[in-house]
Amino acid sequence: MSDYSKELKQYLQKEGCYFERQGKGDHEIWFSPITNIRFVVDNRIKSRHTANAVLKQAGLPKKF
């Protein structure tokens, strides 16, 4: 199985989203200036569906 976390975080930063703080466990809280909301990014995303769901919360199109 692939790990989408690293590529996802790089794409989020490229699109203007940024890391805000550490969440519980291995989760991080990010902020999207596109949607003006905070969203959770897991450090071990194994599913492309989960990675695309994070992009949707950030206001970005599917990539994976």
PDB file of N, CA and C in Angstrom:
ATOM      1  N   MET A   1       0.831  -1.192   0.000  1.00  0.00           N
ATOM      2  CA  MET A   1       0.000   0.000   0.000  1.00  0.00           C
ATOM      3  C   MET A   1       0.870   1.248   0.000  1.00  0.00           C
ATOM      4  N   SER A   2       0.375   2.262  -0.633  1.00  0.00           N
ATOM      5  CA  SER A   2       1.095   3.530  -0.693  1.00  0.00           C
ATOM      6  C   SER A   2       0.817   4.366   0.543  1.00  0.00           C
ATOM      7  N   ASP A   3       1.715   5.295   0.792  1.00  0.00           N
ATOM      8  CA  ASP A   3       1.498   6.284   1.845  1.00  0.00           C
ATOM      9  C   ASP A   3       1.378   7.633   1.149  1.00  0.00           C
ATOM     10  N   TYR A   4       0.201   8.214   1.191  1.00  0.00           N
ATOM     11  CA  TYR A   4      -0.085   9.450   0.460  1.00  0.00           C
ATOM     12  C   TYR A   4       0.247  10.712   1.244  1.00  0.00           C
ATOM     13  N   SER A   5       0.602  10.592   2.510  1.00  0.00           N
ATOM     14  CA  SER A   5       0.761  11.762   3.375  1.00  0.00           C
ATOM     15  C   SER A   5       1.792  12.762   2.881  1.00  0.00           C
ATOM     16  N   LYS A   6       2.982  12.297   2.527  1.00  0.00           N
ATOM     17  CA  LYS A   6       4.061  13.205   2.124  1.00  0.00           C
ATOM     18  C   LYS A   6       3.682  13.987   0.865  1.00  0.00           C
ATOM     19  N   GLU A   7       3.202  13.271  -0.151  1.00  0.00           N
ATOM     20  CA  GLU A   7       2.818  13.924  -1.403  1.00  0.00           C
ATOM     21  C   GLU A   7       1.627  14.867  -1.189  1.00  0.00           C
ATOM     22  N   LEU A   8       0.694  14.462  -0.350  1.00  0.00           N
ATOM     23  CA  LEU A   8      -0.476  15.287  -0.051  1.00  0.00           C
ATOM     24  C   LEU A   8      -0.069  16.603   0.615  1.00  0.00           C
ATOM     25  N   LYS A   9       0.806  16.520   1.606  1.00  0.00           N
ATOM     26  CA  LYS A   9       1.255  17.724   2.316  1.00  0.00           C
ATOM     27  C   LYS A   9       2.016  18.675   1.394  1.00  0.00           C
ATOM     28  N   GLN A  10       2.836  18.128   0.509  1.00  0.00           N
ATOM     29  CA  GLN A  10       3.558  18.970  -0.447  1.00  0.00           C
ATOM     30  C   GLN A  10       2.586  19.690  -1.374  1.00  0.00           C
ATOM     31  N   TYR A  11       1.566  18.972  -1.837  1.00  0.00           N
ATOM     32  CA  TYR A  11       0.567  19.571  -2.719  1.00  0.00           C
ATOM     33  C   TYR A  11      -0.240  20.650  -1.994  1.00  0.00           C
ATOM     34  N   LEU A  12      -0.610  20.384  -0.743  1.00  0.00           N
ATOM     35  CA  LEU A  12      -1.355  21.373   0.041  1.00  0.00           C
ATOM     36  C   LEU A  12      -0.546  22.660   0.206  1.00  0.00           C
ATOM     37  N   GLN A  13       0.744  22.526   0.516  1.00  0.00           N
ATOM     38  CA  GLN A  13       1.596  23.713   0.685  1.00  0.00           C
ATOM     39  C   GLN A  13       1.722  24.481  -0.620  1.00  0.00           C
ATOM     40  N   LYS A  14       1.865  23.750  -1.719  1.00  0.00           N
ATOM     41  CA  LYS A  14       1.989  24.394  -3.035  1.00  0.00           C
ATOM     42  C   LYS A  14       0.739  25.216  -3.359  1.00  0.00           C
ATOM     43  N   GLU A  15      -0.404  24.738  -2.901  1.00  0.00           N
ATOM     44  CA  GLU A  15      -1.676  25.410  -3.186  1.00  0.00           C
ATOM     45  C   GLU A  15      -2.033  26.485  -2.152  1.00  0.00           C
ATOM     46  N   GLY A  16      -1.156  26.736  -1.180  1.00  0.00           N
ATOM     47  CA  GLY A  16      -1.374  27.832  -0.239  1.00  0.00           C
ATOM     48  C   GLY A  16      -1.872  27.431   1.138  1.00  0.00           C
ATOM     49  N   CYS A  17      -2.155  26.165   1.349  1.00  0.00           N
ATOM     50  CA  CYS A  17      -2.570  25.706   2.672  1.00  0.00           C
ATOM     51  C   CYS A  17      -1.338  25.609   3.564  1.00  0.00           C
ATOM     52  N   TYR A  18      -1.550  25.692   4.865  1.00  0.00           N
ATOM     53  CA  TYR A  18      -0.395  25.624   5.753  1.00  0.00           C
ATOM     54  C   TYR A  18      -0.708  24.908   7.053  1.00  0.00           C
ATOM     55  N   PHE A  19       0.369  24.322   7.613  1.00  0.00           N
ATOM     56  CA  PHE A  19       0.312  23.616   8.889  1.00  0.00           C
ATOM     57  C   PHE A  19       0.070  24.632   9.986  1.00  0.00           C
ATOM     58  N   GLU A  20      -0.909  24.352  10.849  1.00  0.00           N
ATOM     59  CA  GLU A  20      -1.215  25.268  11.935  1.00  0.00           C
ATOM     60  C   GLU A  20      -0.697  24.760  13.277  1.00  0.00           C
ATOM     61  N   ARG A  21      -0.996  23.487  13.594  1.00  0.00           N
ATOM     62  CA  ARG A  21      -0.549  22.946  14.879  1.00  0.00           C
ATOM     63  C   ARG A  21      -0.665  21.430  14.858  1.00  0.00           C
ATOM     64  N   GLN A  22      -0.048  20.820  15.843  1.00  0.00           N
ATOM     65  CA  GLN A  22      -0.142  19.374  16.017  1.00  0.00           C
ATOM     66  C   GLN A  22      -1.479  19.048  16.669  1.00  0.00           C
ATOM     67  N   GLY A  23      -2.118  18.003  16.210  1.00  0.00           N
ATOM     68  CA  GLY A  23      -3.368  17.554  16.802  1.00  0.00           C
ATOM     69  C   GLY A  23      -3.112  16.374  17.716  1.00  0.00           C
ATOM     70  N   LYS A  24      -4.145  15.607  18.008  1.00  0.00           N
ATOM     71  CA  LYS A  24      -3.982  14.426  18.863  1.00  0.00           C
ATOM     72  C   LYS A  24      -3.323  13.296  18.078  1.00  0.00           C
ATOM     73  N   GLY A  25      -2.455  12.575  18.759  1.00  0.00           N
ATOM     74  CA  GLY A  25      -1.795  11.437  18.128  1.00  0.00           C
ATOM     75  C   GLY A  25      -0.921  11.860  16.972  1.00  0.00           C
ATOM     76  N   ASP A  26      -1.106  11.218  15.830  1.00  0.00           N
ATOM     77  CA  ASP A  26      -0.292  11.545  14.661  1.00  0.00           C
ATOM     78  C   ASP A  26      -1.044  12.429  13.661  1.00  0.00           C
ATOM     79  N   HIS A  27      -2.002  13.191  14.145  1.00  0.00           N
ATOM     80  CA  HIS A  27      -2.770  14.085  13.286  1.00  0.00           C
ATOM     81  C   HIS A  27      -2.223  15.510  13.367  1.00  0.00           C
ATOM     82  N   GLU A  28      -2.390  16.235  12.268  1.00  0.00           N
ATOM     83  CA  GLU A  28      -1.991  17.639  12.207  1.00  0.00           C
ATOM     84  C   GLU A  28      -3.203  18.471  11.810  1.00  0.00           C
ATOM     85  N   ILE A  29      -3.244  19.697  12.285  1.00  0.00           N
ATOM     86  CA  ILE A  29      -4.308  20.631  11.925  1.00  0.00           C
ATOM     87  C   ILE A  29      -3.733  21.601  10.893  1.00  0.00           C
ATOM     88  N   TRP A  30      -4.385  21.669   9.747  1.00  0.00           N
ATOM     89  CA  TRP A  30      -3.973  22.554   8.656  1.00  0.00           C
ATOM     90  C   TRP A  30      -5.068  23.582   8.415  1.00  0.00           C
ATOM     91  N   PHE A  31      -4.705  24.684   7.748  1.00  0.00           N
ATOM     92  CA  PHE A  31      -5.667  25.740   7.412  1.00  0.00           C
ATOM     93  C   PHE A  31      -5.665  25.965   5.911  1.00  0.00           C
ATOM     94  N   SER A  32      -6.846  26.121   5.350  1.00  0.00           N
ATOM     95  CA  SER A  32      -6.997  26.402   3.925  1.00  0.00           C
ATOM     96  C   SER A  32      -7.509  27.825   3.727  1.00  0.00           C
ATOM     97  N   PRO A  33      -6.738  28.686   3.057  1.00  0.00           N
ATOM     98  CA  PRO A  33      -7.224  30.032   2.756  1.00  0.00           C
ATOM     99  C   PRO A  33      -8.324  30.031   1.687  1.00  0.00           C
ATOM    100  N   ILE A  34      -8.461  28.927   0.975  1.00  0.00           N
ATOM    101  CA  ILE A  34      -9.491  28.820  -0.072  1.00  0.00           C
ATOM    102  C   ILE A  34     -10.868  28.704   0.571  1.00  0.00           C
ATOM    103  N   THR A  35     -10.992  27.824   1.572  1.00  0.00           N
ATOM    104  CA  THR A  35     -12.279  27.606   2.233  1.00  0.00           C
ATOM    105  C   THR A  35     -12.374  28.301   3.582  1.00  0.00           C
ATOM    106  N   ASN A  36     -11.261  28.836   4.077  1.00  0.00           N
ATOM    107  CA  ASN A  36     -11.190  29.481   5.394  1.00  0.00           C
ATOM    108  C   ASN A  36     -11.603  28.553   6.525  1.00  0.00           C
ATOM    109  N   ILE A  37     -11.220  27.277   6.410  1.00  0.00           N
ATOM    110  CA  ILE A  37     -11.496  26.327   7.486  1.00  0.00           C
ATOM    111  C   ILE A  37     -10.232  25.561   7.846  1.00  0.00           C
ATOM    112  N   ARG A  38     -10.251  24.999   9.051  1.00  0.00           N
ATOM    113  CA  ARG A  38      -9.180  24.113   9.495  1.00  0.00           C
ATOM    114  C   ARG A  38      -9.610  22.679   9.203  1.00  0.00           C
ATOM    115  N   PHE A  39      -8.652  21.846   8.879  1.00  0.00           N
ATOM    116  CA  PHE A  39      -8.952  20.443   8.600  1.00  0.00           C
ATOM    117  C   PHE A  39      -7.814  19.570   9.111  1.00  0.00           C
ATOM    118  N   VAL A  40      -8.112  18.291   9.296  1.00  0.00           N
ATOM    119  CA  VAL A  40      -7.168  17.343   9.883  1.00  0.00           C
ATOM    120  C   VAL A  40      -6.458  16.571   8.777  1.00  0.00           C
ATOM    121  N   VAL A  41      -5.133  16.416   8.943  1.00  0.00           N
ATOM    122  CA  VAL A  41      -4.344  15.581   8.044  1.00  0.00           C
ATOM    123  C   VAL A  41      -3.636  14.532   8.893  1.00  0.00           C
ATOM    124  N   ASP A  42      -3.872  13.280   8.564  1.00  0.00           N
ATOM    125  CA  ASP A  42      -3.226  12.160   9.264  1.00  0.00           C
ATOM    126  C   ASP A  42      -1.818  11.973   8.699  1.00  0.00           C
ATOM    127  N   ASN A  43      -0.892  11.537   9.517  1.00  0.00           N
ATOM    128  CA  ASN A  43       0.478  11.308   9.049  1.00  0.00           C
ATOM    129  C   ASN A  43       0.658   9.968   8.351  1.00  0.00           C
ATOM    130  N   ARG A  44      -0.363   9.126   8.358  1.00  0.00           N
ATOM    131  CA  ARG A  44      -0.277   7.817   7.705  1.00  0.00           C
ATOM    132  C   ARG A  44      -1.535   7.572   6.880  1.00  0.00           C
ATOM    133  N   ILE A  45      -1.675   8.261   5.768  1.00  0.00           N
ATOM    134  CA  ILE A  45      -2.845   8.077   4.912  1.00  0.00           C
ATOM    135  C   ILE A  45      -2.536   6.963   3.917  1.00  0.00           C
ATOM    136  N   LYS A  46      -3.256   5.867   4.010  1.00  0.00           N
ATOM    137  CA  LYS A  46      -3.023   4.703   3.156  1.00  0.00           C
ATOM    138  C   LYS A  46      -4.011   4.617   1.987  1.00  0.00           C
ATOM    139  N   SER A  47      -5.099   5.362   2.056  1.00  0.00           N
ATOM    140  CA  SER A  47      -6.153   5.275   1.049  1.00  0.00           C
ATOM    141  C   SER A  47      -6.198   6.540   0.186  1.00  0.00           C
ATOM    142  N   ARG A  48      -6.302   6.339  -1.125  1.00  0.00           N
ATOM    143  CA  ARG A  48      -6.404   7.502  -2.008  1.00  0.00           C
ATOM    144  C   ARG A  48      -7.725   8.229  -1.788  1.00  0.00           C
ATOM    145  N   HIS A  49      -8.736   7.495  -1.331  1.00  0.00           N
ATOM    146  CA  HIS A  49     -10.031   8.110  -1.054  1.00  0.00           C
ATOM    147  C   HIS A  49      -9.925   9.082   0.120  1.00  0.00           C
ATOM    148  N   THR A  50      -9.173   8.705   1.131  1.00  0.00           N
ATOM    149  CA  THR A  50      -8.961   9.590   2.275  1.00  0.00           C
ATOM    150  C   THR A  50      -8.164  10.819   1.855  1.00  0.00           C
ATOM    151  N   ALA A  51      -7.134  10.615   1.040  1.00  0.00           N
ATOM    152  CA  ALA A  51      -6.321  11.735   0.557  1.00  0.00           C
ATOM    153  C   ALA A  51      -7.177  12.712  -0.248  1.00  0.00           C
ATOM    154  N   ASN A  52      -8.044  12.198  -1.104  1.00  0.00           N
ATOM    155  CA  ASN A  52      -8.926  13.063  -1.882  1.00  0.00           C
ATOM    156  C   ASN A  52      -9.966  13.757  -1.009  1.00  0.00           C
ATOM    157  N   ALA A  53     -10.394  13.119   0.059  1.00  0.00           N
ATOM    158  CA  ALA A  53     -11.341  13.738   0.993  1.00  0.00           C
ATOM    159  C   ALA A  53     -10.693  14.931   1.698  1.00  0.00           C
ATOM    160  N   VAL A  54      -9.413  14.806   2.028  1.00  0.00           N
ATOM    161  CA  VAL A  54      -8.684  15.927   2.637  1.00  0.00           C
ATOM    162  C   VAL A  54      -8.610  17.082   1.641  1.00  0.00           C
ATOM    163  N   LEU A  55      -8.323  16.778   0.382  1.00  0.00           N
ATOM    164  CA  LEU A  55      -8.273  17.825  -0.647  1.00  0.00           C
ATOM    165  C   LEU A  55      -9.624  18.510  -0.803  1.00  0.00           C
ATOM    166  N   LYS A  56     -10.694  17.749  -0.716  1.00  0.00           N
ATOM    167  CA  LYS A  56     -12.046  18.324  -0.821  1.00  0.00           C
ATOM    168  C   LYS A  56     -12.297  19.306   0.320  1.00  0.00           C
ATOM    169  N   GLN A  57     -11.869  18.945   1.536  1.00  0.00           N
ATOM    170  CA  GLN A  57     -12.036  19.842   2.679  1.00  0.00           C
ATOM    171  C   GLN A  57     -11.228  21.119   2.482  1.00  0.00           C
ATOM    172  N   ALA A  58     -10.096  21.005   1.799  1.00  0.00           N
ATOM    173  CA  ALA A  58      -9.243  22.159   1.553  1.00  0.00           C
ATOM    174  C   ALA A  58      -9.736  22.998   0.384  1.00  0.00           C
ATOM    175  N   GLY A  59     -10.764  22.527  -0.326  1.00  0.00           N
ATOM    176  CA  GLY A  59     -11.295  23.268  -1.460  1.00  0.00           C
ATOM    177  C   GLY A  59     -10.528  23.027  -2.751  1.00  0.00           C
ATOM    178  N   LEU A  60      -9.837  21.892  -2.837  1.00  0.00           N
ATOM    179  CA  LEU A  60      -9.012  21.569  -3.997  1.00  0.00           C
ATOM    180  C   LEU A  60      -9.608  20.372  -4.748  1.00  0.00           C
ATOM    181  N   PRO A  61      -9.336  20.252  -6.055  1.00  0.00           N
ATOM    182  CA  PRO A  61      -9.857  19.114  -6.816  1.00  0.00           C
ATOM    183  C   PRO A  61      -9.119  17.820  -6.471  1.00  0.00           C
ATOM    184  N   LYS A  62      -9.735  16.686  -6.842  1.00  0.00           N
ATOM    185  CA  LYS A  62      -9.112  15.379  -6.615  1.00  0.00           C
ATOM    186  C   LYS A  62      -7.778  15.300  -7.351  1.00  0.00           C
ATOM    187  N   LYS A  63      -6.813  14.642  -6.743  1.00  0.00           N
ATOM    188  CA  LYS A  63      -5.495  14.475  -7.354  1.00  0.00           C
ATOM    189  C   LYS A  63      -5.045  13.021  -7.361  1.00  0.00           C
ATOM    190  N   PHE A  64      -5.538  12.208  -6.445  1.00  0.00           N
ATOM    191  CA  PHE A  64      -5.054  10.837  -6.282  1.00  0.00           C
ATOM    192  C   PHE A  64      -6.039   9.810  -6.813  1.00  0.00           C
TER     193      PHE A  64
END
